[in-house]
Amino acid sequence: MRRQLHLPFIVGQDEDGTWIAEAALTPDIFVSGEGETREASLDDLRFQIARVVADSGAPEQLVVDVDVPDN
């Protein structure tokens, strides 16, 4: 079964220039990806998330629609 996950993430560069992307699947499961570019780190993060979900299962999700004011 295919399922879409929406995960907040952070991304940044470490001191040697490697890009690191991180996301939390659950309060106990954190996943990270890295690469030479921002997009490469996000691609690796996507791959790592798919690998962890295949092993651990997909986390439960609550979907909420909210109105966000324009700034």
PDB file of N, CA and C in Angstrom:
ATOM      1  N   MET A   1       0.851  -1.179   0.000  1.00  0.00           N
ATOM      2  CA  MET A   1       0.000   0.000   0.000  1.00  0.00           C
ATOM      3  C   MET A   1       0.896   1.240   0.000  1.00  0.00           C
ATOM      4  N   ARG A   2       0.558   2.199  -0.795  1.00  0.00           N
ATOM      5  CA  ARG A   2       1.303   3.453  -0.866  1.00  0.00           C
ATOM      6  C   ARG A   2       0.584   4.479  -0.008  1.00  0.00           C
ATOM      7  N   ARG A   3       1.355   5.228   0.774  1.00  0.00           N
ATOM      8  CA  ARG A   3       0.787   6.244   1.664  1.00  0.00           C
ATOM      9  C   ARG A   3       1.666   7.483   1.621  1.00  0.00           C
ATOM     10  N   GLN A   4       1.051   8.643   1.642  1.00  0.00           N
ATOM     11  CA  GLN A   4       1.794   9.897   1.619  1.00  0.00           C
ATOM     12  C   GLN A   4       1.965  10.407   3.041  1.00  0.00           C
ATOM     13  N   LEU A   5       3.199  10.749   3.415  1.00  0.00           N
ATOM     14  CA  LEU A   5       3.484  11.318   4.732  1.00  0.00           C
ATOM     15  C   LEU A   5       3.878  12.778   4.560  1.00  0.00           C
ATOM     16  N   HIS A   6       3.372  13.620   5.427  1.00  0.00           N
ATOM     17  CA  HIS A   6       3.741  15.037   5.450  1.00  0.00           C
ATOM     18  C   HIS A   6       4.542  15.261   6.725  1.00  0.00           C
ATOM     19  N   LEU A   7       5.829  15.563   6.579  1.00  0.00           N
ATOM     20  CA  LEU A   7       6.705  15.690   7.740  1.00  0.00           C
ATOM     21  C   LEU A   7       7.423  17.032   7.730  1.00  0.00           C
ATOM     22  N   PRO A   8       7.384  17.750   8.845  1.00  0.00           N
ATOM     23  CA  PRO A   8       8.224  18.939   8.939  1.00  0.00           C
ATOM     24  C   PRO A   8       9.683  18.496   9.031  1.00  0.00           C
ATOM     25  N   PHE A   9      10.574  19.325   8.537  1.00  0.00           N
ATOM     26  CA  PHE A   9      11.990  18.987   8.560  1.00  0.00           C
ATOM     27  C   PHE A   9      12.816  20.252   8.752  1.00  0.00           C
ATOM     28  N   ILE A  10      14.075  20.047   9.107  1.00  0.00           N
ATOM     29  CA  ILE A  10      15.030  21.149   9.142  1.00  0.00           C
ATOM     30  C   ILE A  10      16.192  20.762   8.240  1.00  0.00           C
ATOM     31  N   VAL A  11      16.852  21.763   7.689  1.00  0.00           N
ATOM     32  CA  VAL A  11      18.002  21.503   6.820  1.00  0.00           C
ATOM     33  C   VAL A  11      19.027  22.613   7.018  1.00  0.00           C
ATOM     34  N   GLY A  12      20.286  22.245   7.010  1.00  0.00           N
ATOM     35  CA  GLY A  12      21.359  23.223   7.167  1.00  0.00           C
ATOM     36  C   GLY A  12      22.690  22.598   6.807  1.00  0.00           C
ATOM     37  N   GLN A  13      23.732  23.423   6.826  1.00  0.00           N
ATOM     38  CA  GLN A  13      25.076  22.958   6.513  1.00  0.00           C
ATOM     39  C   GLN A  13      25.890  22.816   7.782  1.00  0.00           C
ATOM     40  N   ASP A  14      26.701  21.750   7.844  1.00  0.00           N
ATOM     41  CA  ASP A  14      27.597  21.625   8.987  1.00  0.00           C
ATOM     42  C   ASP A  14      28.910  22.343   8.671  1.00  0.00           C
ATOM     43  N   GLU A  15      29.851  22.295   9.605  1.00  0.00           N
ATOM     44  CA  GLU A  15      31.078  23.083   9.477  1.00  0.00           C
ATOM     45  C   GLU A  15      31.950  22.673   8.294  1.00  0.00           C
ATOM     46  N   ASP A  16      31.822  21.454   7.801  1.00  0.00           N
ATOM     47  CA  ASP A  16      32.628  21.049   6.641  1.00  0.00           C
ATOM     48  C   ASP A  16      31.891  21.239   5.313  1.00  0.00           C
ATOM     49  N   GLY A  17      30.695  21.849   5.350  1.00  0.00           N
ATOM     50  CA  GLY A  17      29.953  22.161   4.135  1.00  0.00           C
ATOM     51  C   GLY A  17      28.927  21.125   3.719  1.00  0.00           C
ATOM     52  N   THR A  18      28.877  19.991   4.406  1.00  0.00           N
ATOM     53  CA  THR A  18      27.887  18.961   4.092  1.00  0.00           C
ATOM     54  C   THR A  18      26.502  19.437   4.512  1.00  0.00           C
ATOM     55  N   TRP A  19      25.523  19.234   3.645  1.00  0.00           N
ATOM     56  CA  TRP A  19      24.142  19.580   3.961  1.00  0.00           C
ATOM     57  C   TRP A  19      23.502  18.427   4.722  1.00  0.00           C
ATOM     58  N   ILE A  20      22.776  18.753   5.801  1.00  0.00           N
ATOM     59  CA  ILE A  20      22.108  17.769   6.647  1.00  0.00           C
ATOM     60  C   ILE A  20      20.624  18.130   6.714  1.00  0.00           C
ATOM     61  N   ALA A  21      19.754  17.152   6.453  1.00  0.00           N
ATOM     62  CA  ALA A  21      18.304  17.333   6.582  1.00  0.00           C
ATOM     63  C   ALA A  21      17.806  16.340   7.626  1.00  0.00           C
ATOM     64  N   GLU A  22      16.931  16.799   8.527  1.00  0.00           N
ATOM     65  CA  GLU A  22      16.444  15.949   9.617  1.00  0.00           C
ATOM     66  C   GLU A  22      14.936  16.085   9.774  1.00  0.00           C
ATOM     67  N   ALA A  23      14.299  14.973  10.142  1.00  0.00           N
ATOM     68  CA  ALA A  23      12.859  14.952  10.401  1.00  0.00           C
ATOM     69  C   ALA A  23      12.576  13.950  11.515  1.00  0.00           C
ATOM     70  N   ALA A  24      11.489  14.178  12.242  1.00  0.00           N
ATOM     71  CA  ALA A  24      11.052  13.245  13.290  1.00  0.00           C
ATOM     72  C   ALA A  24       9.814  12.512  12.795  1.00  0.00           C
ATOM     73  N   LEU A  25       9.895  11.178  12.767  1.00  0.00           N
ATOM     74  CA  LEU A  25       8.716  10.379  12.418  1.00  0.00           C
ATOM     75  C   LEU A  25       7.799  10.228  13.619  1.00  0.00           C
ATOM     76  N   THR A  26       8.389  10.058  14.783  1.00  0.00           N
ATOM     77  CA  THR A  26       7.681   9.966  16.057  1.00  0.00           C
ATOM     78  C   THR A  26       8.572  10.650  17.087  1.00  0.00           C
ATOM     79  N   PRO A  27       8.099  10.828  18.315  1.00  0.00           N
ATOM     80  CA  PRO A  27       8.977  11.417  19.334  1.00  0.00           C
ATOM     81  C   PRO A  27      10.245  10.593  19.589  1.00  0.00           C
ATOM     82  N   ASP A  28      10.235   9.311  19.203  1.00  0.00           N
ATOM     83  CA  ASP A  28      11.391   8.444  19.436  1.00  0.00           C
ATOM     84  C   ASP A  28      12.191   8.106  18.183  1.00  0.00           C
ATOM     85  N   ILE A  29      11.674   8.432  17.017  1.00  0.00           N
ATOM     86  CA  ILE A  29      12.349   8.049  15.771  1.00  0.00           C
ATOM     87  C   ILE A  29      12.685   9.300  14.964  1.00  0.00           C
ATOM     88  N   PHE A  30      13.985   9.573  14.863  1.00  0.00           N
ATOM     89  CA  PHE A  30      14.489  10.700  14.084  1.00  0.00           C
ATOM     90  C   PHE A  30      15.246  10.151  12.880  1.00  0.00           C
ATOM     91  N   VAL A  31      15.105  10.813  11.743  1.00  0.00           N
ATOM     92  CA  VAL A  31      15.725  10.361  10.507  1.00  0.00           C
ATOM     93  C   VAL A  31      16.518  11.527   9.927  1.00  0.00           C
ATOM     94  N   SER A  32      17.682  11.226   9.351  1.00  0.00           N
ATOM     95  CA  SER A  32      18.475  12.289   8.741  1.00  0.00           C
ATOM     96  C   SER A  32      19.006  11.841   7.390  1.00  0.00           C
ATOM     97  N   GLY A  33      19.269  12.834   6.556  1.00  0.00           N
ATOM     98  CA  GLY A  33      19.886  12.608   5.255  1.00  0.00           C
ATOM     99  C   GLY A  33      20.982  13.631   5.065  1.00  0.00           C
ATOM    100  N   GLU A  34      21.944  13.317   4.229  1.00  0.00           N
ATOM    101  CA  GLU A  34      23.013  14.278   3.973  1.00  0.00           C
ATOM    102  C   GLU A  34      23.412  14.236   2.514  1.00  0.00           C
ATOM    103  N   GLY A  35      24.058  15.318   2.080  1.00  0.00           N
ATOM    104  CA  GLY A  35      24.503  15.400   0.697  1.00  0.00           C
ATOM    105  C   GLY A  35      25.361  16.619   0.470  1.00  0.00           C
ATOM    106  N   GLU A  36      25.889  16.715  -0.746  1.00  0.00           N
ATOM    107  CA  GLU A  36      26.751  17.840  -1.098  1.00  0.00           C
ATOM    108  C   GLU A  36      25.959  19.112  -1.360  1.00  0.00           C
ATOM    109  N   THR A  37      24.645  18.976  -1.625  1.00  0.00           N
ATOM    110  CA  THR A  37      23.776  20.133  -1.843  1.00  0.00           C
ATOM    111  C   THR A  37      22.541  19.999  -0.959  1.00  0.00           C
ATOM    112  N   ARG A  38      21.800  21.097  -0.837  1.00  0.00           N
ATOM    113  CA  ARG A  38      20.557  21.072  -0.051  1.00  0.00           C
ATOM    114  C   ARG A  38      19.605  20.017  -0.615  1.00  0.00           C
ATOM    115  N   GLU A  39      19.425  20.030  -1.949  1.00  0.00           N
ATOM    116  CA  GLU A  39      18.497  19.083  -2.576  1.00  0.00           C
ATOM    117  C   GLU A  39      18.967  17.641  -2.406  1.00  0.00           C
ATOM    118  N   ALA A  40      20.281  17.410  -2.475  1.00  0.00           N
ATOM    119  CA  ALA A  40      20.808  16.051  -2.275  1.00  0.00           C
ATOM    120  C   ALA A  40      20.521  15.560  -0.859  1.00  0.00           C
ATOM    121  N   SER A  41      20.618  16.457   0.125  1.00  0.00           N
ATOM    122  CA  SER A  41      20.318  16.044   1.505  1.00  0.00           C
ATOM    123  C   SER A  41      18.836  15.716   1.657  1.00  0.00           C
ATOM    124  N   LEU A  42      17.964  16.464   0.976  1.00  0.00           N
ATOM    125  CA  LEU A  42      16.530  16.177   1.025  1.00  0.00           C
ATOM    126  C   LEU A  42      16.202  14.869   0.297  1.00  0.00           C
ATOM    127  N   ASP A  43      16.867  14.609  -0.825  1.00  0.00           N
ATOM    128  CA  ASP A  43      16.671  13.329  -1.520  1.00  0.00           C
ATOM    129  C   ASP A  43      17.083  12.171  -0.618  1.00  0.00           C
ATOM    130  N   ASP A  44      18.226  12.320   0.073  1.00  0.00           N
ATOM    131  CA  ASP A  44      18.681  11.272   0.983  1.00  0.00           C
ATOM    132  C   ASP A  44      17.719  11.125   2.156  1.00  0.00           C
ATOM    133  N   LEU A  45      17.188  12.243   2.659  1.00  0.00           N
ATOM    134  CA  LEU A  45      16.209  12.181   3.743  1.00  0.00           C
ATOM    135  C   LEU A  45      14.974  11.401   3.294  1.00  0.00           C
ATOM    136  N   ARG A  46      14.478  11.676   2.094  1.00  0.00           N
ATOM    137  CA  ARG A  46      13.324  10.933   1.567  1.00  0.00           C
ATOM    138  C   ARG A  46      13.623   9.430   1.514  1.00  0.00           C
ATOM    139  N   PHE A  47      14.808   9.081   1.023  1.00  0.00           N
ATOM    140  CA  PHE A  47      15.205   7.676   0.946  1.00  0.00           C
ATOM    141  C   PHE A  47      15.257   7.046   2.335  1.00  0.00           C
ATOM    142  N   GLN A  48      15.866   7.745   3.296  1.00  0.00           N
ATOM    143  CA  GLN A  48      15.998   7.215   4.657  1.00  0.00           C
ATOM    144  C   GLN A  48      14.630   7.071   5.331  1.00  0.00           C
ATOM    145  N   ILE A  49      13.731   8.033   5.097  1.00  0.00           N
ATOM    146  CA  ILE A  49      12.378   7.936   5.662  1.00  0.00           C
ATOM    147  C   ILE A  49      11.679   6.695   5.111  1.00  0.00           C
ATOM    148  N   ALA A  50      11.771   6.476   3.800  1.00  0.00           N
ATOM    149  CA  ALA A  50      11.135   5.301   3.191  1.00  0.00           C
ATOM    150  C   ALA A  50      11.703   4.013   3.782  1.00  0.00           C
ATOM    151  N   ARG A  51      13.003   3.985   4.021  1.00  0.00           N
ATOM    152  CA  ARG A  51      13.649   2.797   4.598  1.00  0.00           C
ATOM    153  C   ARG A  51      13.162   2.540   6.020  1.00  0.00           C
ATOM    154  N   VAL A  52      13.089   3.607   6.832  1.00  0.00           N
ATOM    155  CA  VAL A  52      12.639   3.460   8.219  1.00  0.00           C
ATOM    156  C   VAL A  52      11.168   3.049   8.268  1.00  0.00           C
ATOM    157  N   VAL A  53      10.332   3.658   7.425  1.00  0.00           N
ATOM    158  CA  VAL A  53       8.908   3.308   7.402  1.00  0.00           C
ATOM    159  C   VAL A  53       8.724   1.853   6.969  1.00  0.00           C
ATOM    160  N   ALA A  54       9.533   1.383   6.024  1.00  0.00           N
ATOM    161  CA  ALA A  54       9.447  -0.020   5.609  1.00  0.00           C
ATOM    162  C   ALA A  54       9.762  -0.951   6.775  1.00  0.00           C
ATOM    163  N   ASP A  55      10.696  -0.545   7.641  1.00  0.00           N
ATOM    164  CA  ASP A  55      11.080  -1.364   8.797  1.00  0.00           C
ATOM    165  C   ASP A  55      10.132  -1.207   9.984  1.00  0.00           C
ATOM    166  N   SER A  56       9.705   0.034  10.260  1.00  0.00           N
ATOM    167  CA  SER A  56       8.966   0.337  11.494  1.00  0.00           C
ATOM    168  C   SER A  56       7.482   0.586  11.294  1.00  0.00           C
ATOM    169  N   GLY A  57       7.054   0.802  10.052  1.00  0.00           N
ATOM    170  CA  GLY A  57       5.667   1.158   9.789  1.00  0.00           C
ATOM    171  C   GLY A  57       5.492   2.671   9.773  1.00  0.00           C
ATOM    172  N   ALA A  58       4.413   3.101   9.168  1.00  0.00           N
ATOM    173  CA  ALA A  58       4.123   4.533   9.063  1.00  0.00           C
ATOM    174  C   ALA A  58       3.517   5.041  10.366  1.00  0.00           C
ATOM    175  N   PRO A  59       3.915   6.240  10.799  1.00  0.00           N
ATOM    176  CA  PRO A  59       3.330   6.798  12.018  1.00  0.00           C
ATOM    177  C   PRO A  59       1.893   7.241  11.770  1.00  0.00           C
ATOM    178  N   GLU A  60       1.102   7.263  12.833  1.00  0.00           N
ATOM    179  CA  GLU A  60      -0.251   7.809  12.728  1.00  0.00           C
ATOM    180  C   GLU A  60      -0.149   9.299  12.439  1.00  0.00           C
ATOM    181  N   GLN A  61      -1.140   9.811  11.731  1.00  0.00           N
ATOM    182  CA  GLN A  61      -1.153  11.234  11.410  1.00  0.00           C
ATOM    183  C   GLN A  61      -2.519  11.821  11.704  1.00  0.00           C
ATOM    184  N   LEU A  62      -2.498  13.050  12.109  1.00  0.00           N
ATOM    185  CA  LEU A  62      -3.707  13.840  12.281  1.00  0.00           C
ATOM    186  C   LEU A  62      -3.609  14.984  11.289  1.00  0.00           C
ATOM    187  N   VAL A  63      -4.573  15.092  10.397  1.00  0.00           N
ATOM    188  CA  VAL A  63      -4.570  16.145   9.397  1.00  0.00           C
ATOM    189  C   VAL A  63      -5.556  17.216   9.827  1.00  0.00           C
ATOM    190  N   VAL A  64      -5.082  18.450   9.896  1.00  0.00           N
ATOM    191  CA  VAL A  64      -5.900  19.578  10.329  1.00  0.00           C
ATOM    192  C   VAL A  64      -5.779  20.683   9.287  1.00  0.00           C
ATOM    193  N   ASP A  65      -6.903  21.201   8.816  1.00  0.00           N
ATOM    194  CA  ASP A  65      -6.904  22.360   7.929  1.00  0.00           C
ATOM    195  C   ASP A  65      -7.019  23.612   8.786  1.00  0.00           C
ATOM    196  N   VAL A  66      -6.116  24.559   8.570  1.00  0.00           N
ATOM    197  CA  VAL A  66      -6.129  25.800   9.343  1.00  0.00           C
ATOM    198  C   VAL A  66      -6.055  26.992   8.400  1.00  0.00           C
ATOM    199  N   ASP A  67      -6.619  28.107   8.828  1.00  0.00           N
ATOM    200  CA  ASP A  67      -6.494  29.362   8.104  1.00  0.00           C
ATOM    201  C   ASP A  67      -5.260  30.082   8.624  1.00  0.00           C
ATOM    202  N   VAL A  68      -4.366  30.448   7.715  1.00  0.00           N
ATOM    203  CA  VAL A  68      -3.135  31.139   8.082  1.00  0.00           C
ATOM    204  C   VAL A  68      -3.196  32.534   7.476  1.00  0.00           C
ATOM    205  N   PRO A  69      -3.065  33.575   8.305  1.00  0.00           N
ATOM    206  CA  PRO A  69      -3.139  34.931   7.770  1.00  0.00           C
ATOM    207  C   PRO A  69      -1.936  35.242   6.879  1.00  0.00           C
ATOM    208  N   ASP A  70      -2.165  36.028   5.834  1.00  0.00           N
ATOM    209  CA  ASP A  70      -1.063  36.497   4.988  1.00  0.00           C
ATOM    210  C   ASP A  70      -0.286  37.560   5.746  1.00  0.00           C
ATOM    211  N   ASN A  71       1.004  37.522   5.597  1.00  0.00           N
ATOM    212  CA  ASN A  71       1.852  38.542   6.260  1.00  0.00           C
ATOM    213  C   ASN A  71       2.308  39.573   5.300  1.00  0.00           C
TER     214      ASN A  71
END
